[in-house]
Amino acid sequence: MTRTAPMDYQTYAKGGFLFGLALLVVGVVGSAVGHMLFESIPAWESALFVGAEFAGLTIGLFSPIVFGIVLPLIE
């Protein structure tokens, strides 16, 4: 049996969720404000904001599942 350093799963789950939420908020607000202030934004900025939204959703949903449920069970 090997000894490993204990991981603080609760902190990782909360931090991952908050990071995902922050990415989602940045994507939504950036897209909305960009279209309100400027009539059209470049395609790369629109793609960046949409990517941030999807990454935020993915990270925000999977981080608590992975660090809060799966990893503590398999340790």
PDB file of N, CA and C in Angstrom:
ATOM      1  N   MET A   1       0.845  -1.172   0.000  1.00  0.00           N
ATOM      2  CA  MET A   1       0.000   0.000   0.000  1.00  0.00           C
ATOM      3  C   MET A   1       0.889   1.234   0.000  1.00  0.00           C
ATOM      4  N   THR A   2       0.681   2.093  -0.969  1.00  0.00           N
ATOM      5  CA  THR A   2       1.487   3.312  -1.060  1.00  0.00           C
ATOM      6  C   THR A   2       0.792   4.433  -0.315  1.00  0.00           C
ATOM      7  N   ARG A   3       1.609   5.318   0.181  1.00  0.00           N
ATOM      8  CA  ARG A   3       1.075   6.471   0.894  1.00  0.00           C
ATOM      9  C   ARG A   3       1.169   7.681  -0.015  1.00  0.00           C
ATOM     10  N   THR A   4       0.052   8.327  -0.216  1.00  0.00           N
ATOM     11  CA  THR A   4       0.015   9.526  -1.045  1.00  0.00           C
ATOM     12  C   THR A   4      -0.430  10.703  -0.198  1.00  0.00           C
ATOM     13  N   ALA A   5      -0.142  11.880  -0.701  1.00  0.00           N
ATOM     14  CA  ALA A   5      -0.570  13.085   0.002  1.00  0.00           C
ATOM     15  C   ALA A   5      -2.089  13.203  -0.097  1.00  0.00           C
ATOM     16  N   PRO A   6      -2.734  13.539   0.994  1.00  0.00           N
ATOM     17  CA  PRO A   6      -4.196  13.657   0.944  1.00  0.00           C
ATOM     18  C   PRO A   6      -4.625  14.852   0.084  1.00  0.00           C
ATOM     19  N   MET A   7      -5.663  14.641  -0.697  1.00  0.00           N
ATOM     20  CA  MET A   7      -6.199  15.713  -1.526  1.00  0.00           C
ATOM     21  C   MET A   7      -7.409  16.315  -0.836  1.00  0.00           C
ATOM     22  N   ASP A   8      -7.554  17.607  -0.954  1.00  0.00           N
ATOM     23  CA  ASP A   8      -8.712  18.286  -0.399  1.00  0.00           C
ATOM     24  C   ASP A   8      -9.782  18.374  -1.488  1.00  0.00           C
ATOM     25  N   TYR A   9     -10.572  17.312  -1.620  1.00  0.00           N
ATOM     26  CA  TYR A   9     -11.549  17.219  -2.698  1.00  0.00           C
ATOM     27  C   TYR A   9     -12.610  18.307  -2.616  1.00  0.00           C
ATOM     28  N   GLN A  10     -12.979  18.672  -1.402  1.00  0.00           N
ATOM     29  CA  GLN A  10     -14.012  19.692  -1.232  1.00  0.00           C
ATOM     30  C   GLN A  10     -13.568  21.026  -1.817  1.00  0.00           C
ATOM     31  N   THR A  11     -12.327  21.408  -1.571  1.00  0.00           N
ATOM     32  CA  THR A  11     -11.807  22.668  -2.099  1.00  0.00           C
ATOM     33  C   THR A  11     -11.706  22.624  -3.615  1.00  0.00           C
ATOM     34  N   TYR A  12     -11.267  21.492  -4.166  1.00  0.00           N
ATOM     35  CA  TYR A  12     -11.167  21.360  -5.621  1.00  0.00           C
ATOM     36  C   TYR A  12     -12.546  21.395  -6.270  1.00  0.00           C
ATOM     37  N   ALA A  13     -13.530  20.773  -5.654  1.00  0.00           N
ATOM     38  CA  ALA A  13     -14.885  20.770  -6.215  1.00  0.00           C
ATOM     39  C   ALA A  13     -15.478  22.175  -6.208  1.00  0.00           C
ATOM     40  N   LYS A  14     -15.328  22.874  -5.103  1.00  0.00           N
ATOM     41  CA  LYS A  14     -15.846  24.240  -5.026  1.00  0.00           C
ATOM     42  C   LYS A  14     -15.101  25.178  -5.966  1.00  0.00           C
ATOM     43  N   GLY A  15     -13.795  25.048  -5.994  1.00  0.00           N
ATOM     44  CA  GLY A  15     -12.992  25.911  -6.863  1.00  0.00           C
ATOM     45  C   GLY A  15     -13.278  25.662  -8.333  1.00  0.00           C
ATOM     46  N   GLY A  16     -13.437  24.414  -8.706  1.00  0.00           N
ATOM     47  CA  GLY A  16     -13.765  24.081 -10.089  1.00  0.00           C
ATOM     48  C   GLY A  16     -15.129  24.598 -10.491  1.00  0.00           C
ATOM     49  N   PHE A  17     -16.093  24.475  -9.587  1.00  0.00           N
ATOM     50  CA  PHE A  17     -17.423  24.991  -9.887  1.00  0.00           C
ATOM     51  C   PHE A  17     -17.400  26.504 -10.041  1.00  0.00           C
ATOM     52  N   LEU A  18     -16.712  27.188  -9.139  1.00  0.00           N
ATOM     53  CA  LEU A  18     -16.647  28.648  -9.221  1.00  0.00           C
ATOM     54  C   LEU A  18     -15.874  29.117 -10.448  1.00  0.00           C
ATOM     55  N   PHE A  19     -14.828  28.389 -10.835  1.00  0.00           N
ATOM     56  CA  PHE A  19     -14.096  28.716 -12.051  1.00  0.00           C
ATOM     57  C   PHE A  19     -14.986  28.536 -13.278  1.00  0.00           C
ATOM     58  N   GLY A  20     -15.744  27.456 -13.323  1.00  0.00           N
ATOM     59  CA  GLY A  20     -16.679  27.236 -14.422  1.00  0.00           C
ATOM     60  C   GLY A  20     -17.762  28.298 -14.466  1.00  0.00           C
ATOM     61  N   LEU A  21     -18.266  28.693 -13.308  1.00  0.00           N
ATOM     62  CA  LEU A  21     -19.275  29.743 -13.238  1.00  0.00           C
ATOM     63  C   LEU A  21     -18.707  31.071 -13.721  1.00  0.00           C
ATOM     64  N   ALA A  22     -17.466  31.367 -13.341  1.00  0.00           N
ATOM     65  CA  ALA A  22     -16.829  32.605 -13.788  1.00  0.00           C
ATOM     66  C   ALA A  22     -16.642  32.613 -15.302  1.00  0.00           C
ATOM     67  N   LEU A  23     -16.228  31.493 -15.874  1.00  0.00           N
ATOM     68  CA  LEU A  23     -16.092  31.403 -17.334  1.00  0.00           C
ATOM     69  C   LEU A  23     -17.441  31.605 -18.016  1.00  0.00           C
ATOM     70  N   LEU A  24     -18.476  30.999 -17.486  1.00  0.00           N
ATOM     71  CA  LEU A  24     -19.802  31.147 -18.058  1.00  0.00           C
ATOM     72  C   LEU A  24     -20.262  32.604 -18.012  1.00  0.00           C
ATOM     73  N   VAL A  25     -20.061  33.253 -16.884  1.00  0.00           N
ATOM     74  CA  VAL A  25     -20.477  34.647 -16.738  1.00  0.00           C
ATOM     75  C   VAL A  25     -19.679  35.549 -17.679  1.00  0.00           C
ATOM     76  N   VAL A  26     -18.376  35.320 -17.784  1.00  0.00           N
ATOM     77  CA  VAL A  26     -17.555  36.117 -18.701  1.00  0.00           C
ATOM     78  C   VAL A  26     -18.025  35.935 -20.138  1.00  0.00           C
ATOM     79  N   GLY A  27     -18.343  34.718 -20.526  1.00  0.00           N
ATOM     80  CA  GLY A  27     -18.817  34.465 -21.879  1.00  0.00           C
ATOM     81  C   GLY A  27     -20.147  35.126 -22.171  1.00  0.00           C
ATOM     82  N   VAL A  28     -21.084  35.004 -21.262  1.00  0.00           N
ATOM     83  CA  VAL A  28     -22.415  35.581 -21.476  1.00  0.00           C
ATOM     84  C   VAL A  28     -22.357  37.104 -21.451  1.00  0.00           C
ATOM     85  N   VAL A  29     -21.699  37.662 -20.442  1.00  0.00           N
ATOM     86  CA  VAL A  29     -21.624  39.118 -20.331  1.00  0.00           C
ATOM     87  C   VAL A  29     -20.813  39.706 -21.480  1.00  0.00           C
ATOM     88  N   GLY A  30     -19.710  39.073 -21.828  1.00  0.00           N
ATOM     89  CA  GLY A  30     -18.897  39.571 -22.935  1.00  0.00           C
ATOM     90  C   GLY A  30     -19.648  39.564 -24.243  1.00  0.00           C
ATOM     91  N   SER A  31     -20.392  38.521 -24.479  1.00  0.00           N
ATOM     92  CA  SER A  31     -21.171  38.439 -25.711  1.00  0.00           C
ATOM     93  C   SER A  31     -22.291  39.481 -25.718  1.00  0.00           C
ATOM     94  N   ALA A  32     -22.994  39.612 -24.627  1.00  0.00           N
ATOM     95  CA  ALA A  32     -24.102  40.569 -24.564  1.00  0.00           C
ATOM     96  C   ALA A  32     -23.611  42.001 -24.638  1.00  0.00           C
ATOM     97  N   VAL A  33     -22.602  42.328 -23.865  1.00  0.00           N
ATOM     98  CA  VAL A  33     -22.075  43.703 -23.859  1.00  0.00           C
ATOM     99  C   VAL A  33     -21.401  44.014 -25.186  1.00  0.00           C
ATOM    100  N   GLY A  34     -20.706  43.049 -25.762  1.00  0.00           N
ATOM    101  CA  GLY A  34     -20.056  43.267 -27.047  1.00  0.00           C
ATOM    102  C   GLY A  34     -21.044  43.593 -28.142  1.00  0.00           C
ATOM    103  N   HIS A  35     -22.194  42.915 -28.138  1.00  0.00           N
ATOM    104  CA  HIS A  35     -23.200  43.189 -29.160  1.00  0.00           C
ATOM    105  C   HIS A  35     -23.993  44.451 -28.855  1.00  0.00           C
ATOM    106  N   MET A  36     -24.077  44.856 -27.588  1.00  0.00           N
ATOM    107  CA  MET A  36     -24.787  46.086 -27.259  1.00  0.00           C
ATOM    108  C   MET A  36     -23.948  47.322 -27.574  1.00  0.00           C
ATOM    109  N   LEU A  37     -22.660  47.275 -27.215  1.00  0.00           N
ATOM    110  CA  LEU A  37     -21.811  48.447 -27.416  1.00  0.00           C
ATOM    111  C   LEU A  37     -21.365  48.602 -28.866  1.00  0.00           C
ATOM    112  N   PHE A  38     -21.067  47.494 -29.493  1.00  0.00           N
ATOM    113  CA  PHE A  38     -20.633  47.519 -30.881  1.00  0.00           C
ATOM    114  C   PHE A  38     -21.688  46.795 -31.704  1.00  0.00           C
ATOM    115  N   GLU A  39     -21.969  47.323 -32.874  1.00  0.00           N
ATOM    116  CA  GLU A  39     -23.017  46.699 -33.674  1.00  0.00           C
ATOM    117  C   GLU A  39     -22.651  45.274 -34.071  1.00  0.00           C
ATOM    118  N   SER A  40     -21.401  45.077 -34.454  1.00  0.00           N
ATOM    119  CA  SER A  40     -20.959  43.718 -34.767  1.00  0.00           C
ATOM    120  C   SER A  40     -19.561  43.528 -34.202  1.00  0.00           C
ATOM    121  N   ILE A  41     -19.335  42.380 -33.643  1.00  0.00           N
ATOM    122  CA  ILE A  41     -18.004  42.071 -33.129  1.00  0.00           C
ATOM    123  C   ILE A  41     -17.364  41.066 -34.080  1.00  0.00           C
ATOM    124  N   PRO A  42     -16.032  41.030 -34.114  1.00  0.00           N
ATOM    125  CA  PRO A  42     -15.371  40.077 -35.020  1.00  0.00           C
ATOM    126  C   PRO A  42     -15.744  38.631 -34.685  1.00  0.00           C
ATOM    127  N   ALA A  43     -15.621  37.799 -35.680  1.00  0.00           N
ATOM    128  CA  ALA A  43     -16.018  36.396 -35.514  1.00  0.00           C
ATOM    129  C   ALA A  43     -15.169  35.689 -34.464  1.00  0.00           C
ATOM    130  N   TRP A  44     -13.889  36.043 -34.364  1.00  0.00           N
ATOM    131  CA  TRP A  44     -13.038  35.360 -33.394  1.00  0.00           C
ATOM    132  C   TRP A  44     -13.446  35.715 -31.971  1.00  0.00           C
ATOM    133  N   GLU A  45     -13.922  36.950 -31.746  1.00  0.00           N
ATOM    134  CA  GLU A  45     -14.377  37.311 -30.401  1.00  0.00           C
ATOM    135  C   GLU A  45     -15.683  36.598 -30.063  1.00  0.00           C
ATOM    136  N   SER A  46     -16.567  36.508 -31.027  1.00  0.00           N
ATOM    137  CA  SER A  46     -17.816  35.785 -30.804  1.00  0.00           C
ATOM    138  C   SER A  46     -17.538  34.318 -30.503  1.00  0.00           C
ATOM    139  N   ALA A  47     -16.619  33.727 -31.248  1.00  0.00           N
ATOM    140  CA  ALA A  47     -16.256  32.326 -31.005  1.00  0.00           C
ATOM    141  C   ALA A  47     -15.594  32.161 -29.639  1.00  0.00           C
ATOM    142  N   LEU A  48     -14.808  33.129 -29.225  1.00  0.00           N
ATOM    143  CA  LEU A  48     -14.155  33.080 -27.923  1.00  0.00           C
ATOM    144  C   LEU A  48     -15.185  33.117 -26.793  1.00  0.00           C
ATOM    145  N   PHE A  49     -16.178  33.993 -26.915  1.00  0.00           N
ATOM    146  CA  PHE A  49     -17.204  34.080 -25.879  1.00  0.00           C
ATOM    147  C   PHE A  49     -18.068  32.821 -25.836  1.00  0.00           C
ATOM    148  N   VAL A  50     -18.419  32.284 -26.998  1.00  0.00           N
ATOM    149  CA  VAL A  50     -19.216  31.050 -27.027  1.00  0.00           C
ATOM    150  C   VAL A  50     -18.404  29.887 -26.467  1.00  0.00           C
ATOM    151  N   GLY A  51     -17.129  29.844 -26.787  1.00  0.00           N
ATOM    152  CA  GLY A  51     -16.264  28.805 -26.229  1.00  0.00           C
ATOM    153  C   GLY A  51     -16.142  28.907 -24.721  1.00  0.00           C
ATOM    154  N   ALA A  52     -16.064  30.140 -24.217  1.00  0.00           N
ATOM    155  CA  ALA A  52     -16.003  30.341 -22.769  1.00  0.00           C
ATOM    156  C   ALA A  52     -17.298  29.878 -22.108  1.00  0.00           C
ATOM    157  N   GLU A  53     -18.420  30.106 -22.772  1.00  0.00           N
ATOM    158  CA  GLU A  53     -19.697  29.652 -22.217  1.00  0.00           C
ATOM    159  C   GLU A  53     -19.744  28.128 -22.121  1.00  0.00           C
ATOM    160  N   PHE A  54     -19.371  27.447 -23.200  1.00  0.00           N
ATOM    161  CA  PHE A  54     -19.408  25.983 -23.187  1.00  0.00           C
ATOM    162  C   PHE A  54     -18.377  25.401 -22.226  1.00  0.00           C
ATOM    163  N   ALA A  55     -17.186  25.988 -22.187  1.00  0.00           N
ATOM    164  CA  ALA A  55     -16.171  25.501 -21.252  1.00  0.00           C
ATOM    165  C   ALA A  55     -16.621  25.727 -19.811  1.00  0.00           C
ATOM    166  N   GLY A  56     -17.250  26.861 -19.547  1.00  0.00           N
ATOM    167  CA  GLY A  56     -17.749  27.141 -18.203  1.00  0.00           C
ATOM    168  C   GLY A  56     -18.816  26.155 -17.765  1.00  0.00           C
ATOM    169  N   LEU A  57     -19.734  25.841 -18.680  1.00  0.00           N
ATOM    170  CA  LEU A  57     -20.758  24.848 -18.358  1.00  0.00           C
ATOM    171  C   LEU A  57     -20.144  23.479 -18.091  1.00  0.00           C
ATOM    172  N   THR A  58     -19.221  23.086 -18.948  1.00  0.00           N
ATOM    173  CA  THR A  58     -18.606  21.767 -18.805  1.00  0.00           C
ATOM    174  C   THR A  58     -17.810  21.664 -17.510  1.00  0.00           C
ATOM    175  N   ILE A  59     -16.970  22.637 -17.246  1.00  0.00           N
ATOM    176  CA  ILE A  59     -16.145  22.618 -16.032  1.00  0.00           C
ATOM    177  C   ILE A  59     -17.023  22.730 -14.794  1.00  0.00           C
ATOM    178  N   GLY A  60     -18.011  23.616 -14.849  1.00  0.00           N
ATOM    179  CA  GLY A  60     -18.890  23.810 -13.698  1.00  0.00           C
ATOM    180  C   GLY A  60     -19.723  22.596 -13.356  1.00  0.00           C
ATOM    181  N   LEU A  61     -20.094  21.813 -14.358  1.00  0.00           N
ATOM    182  CA  LEU A  61     -20.899  20.624 -14.095  1.00  0.00           C
ATOM    183  C   LEU A  61     -20.062  19.409 -13.721  1.00  0.00           C
ATOM    184  N   PHE A  62     -18.934  19.227 -14.376  1.00  0.00           N
ATOM    185  CA  PHE A  62     -18.150  18.013 -14.147  1.00  0.00           C
ATOM    186  C   PHE A  62     -17.197  18.103 -12.959  1.00  0.00           C
ATOM    187  N   SER A  63     -16.787  19.281 -12.576  1.00  0.00           N
ATOM    188  CA  SER A  63     -15.846  19.411 -11.465  1.00  0.00           C
ATOM    189  C   SER A  63     -16.426  18.884 -10.147  1.00  0.00           C
ATOM    190  N   PRO A  64     -17.643  19.262  -9.754  1.00  0.00           N
ATOM    191  CA  PRO A  64     -18.183  18.683  -8.516  1.00  0.00           C
ATOM    192  C   PRO A  64     -18.424  17.181  -8.618  1.00  0.00           C
ATOM    193  N   ILE A  65     -18.788  16.708  -9.799  1.00  0.00           N
ATOM    194  CA  ILE A  65     -19.023  15.269  -9.956  1.00  0.00           C
ATOM    195  C   ILE A  65     -17.715  14.507  -9.787  1.00  0.00           C
ATOM    196  N   VAL A  66     -16.669  14.987 -10.458  1.00  0.00           N
ATOM    197  CA  VAL A  66     -15.383  14.292 -10.413  1.00  0.00           C
ATOM    198  C   VAL A  66     -14.737  14.416  -9.039  1.00  0.00           C
ATOM    199  N   PHE A  67     -14.610  15.654  -8.535  1.00  0.00           N
ATOM    200  CA  PHE A  67     -13.884  15.861  -7.281  1.00  0.00           C
ATOM    201  C   PHE A  67     -14.753  15.638  -6.042  1.00  0.00           C
ATOM    202  N   GLY A  68     -16.067  15.704  -6.183  1.00  0.00           N
ATOM    203  CA  GLY A  68     -16.928  15.523  -5.023  1.00  0.00           C
ATOM    204  C   GLY A  68     -17.476  14.127  -4.858  1.00  0.00           C
ATOM    205  N   ILE A  69     -17.586  13.381  -5.972  1.00  0.00           N
ATOM    206  CA  ILE A  69     -18.198  12.058  -5.895  1.00  0.00           C
ATOM    207  C   ILE A  69     -17.236  10.947  -6.318  1.00  0.00           C
ATOM    208  N   VAL A  70     -16.688  11.049  -7.527  1.00  0.00           N
ATOM    209  CA  VAL A  70     -15.928   9.946  -8.096  1.00  0.00           C
ATOM    210  C   VAL A  70     -14.602   9.725  -7.386  1.00  0.00           C
ATOM    211  N   LEU A  71     -13.774  10.746  -7.295  1.00  0.00           N
ATOM    212  CA  LEU A  71     -12.447  10.565  -6.701  1.00  0.00           C
ATOM    213  C   LEU A  71     -12.470  10.156  -5.236  1.00  0.00           C
ATOM    214  N   PRO A  72     -13.347  10.708  -4.383  1.00  0.00           N
ATOM    215  CA  PRO A  72     -13.384  10.192  -3.003  1.00  0.00           C
ATOM    216  C   PRO A  72     -13.822   8.733  -2.914  1.00  0.00           C
ATOM    217  N   LEU A  73     -14.655   8.292  -3.858  1.00  0.00           N
ATOM    218  CA  LEU A  73     -15.094   6.906  -3.816  1.00  0.00           C
ATOM    219  C   LEU A  73     -14.019   5.918  -4.251  1.00  0.00           C
ATOM    220  N   ILE A  74     -13.159   6.334  -5.176  1.00  0.00           N
ATOM    221  CA  ILE A  74     -12.145   5.386  -5.668  1.00  0.00           C
ATOM    222  C   ILE A  74     -10.838   5.477  -4.893  1.00  0.00           C
ATOM    223  N   GLU A  75     -10.755   6.390  -3.946  1.00  0.00           N
ATOM    224  CA  GLU A  75      -9.511   6.504  -3.158  1.00  0.00           C
ATOM    225  C   GLU A  75      -9.403   5.358  -2.188  1.00  0.00           C
TER     226      GLU A  75
END
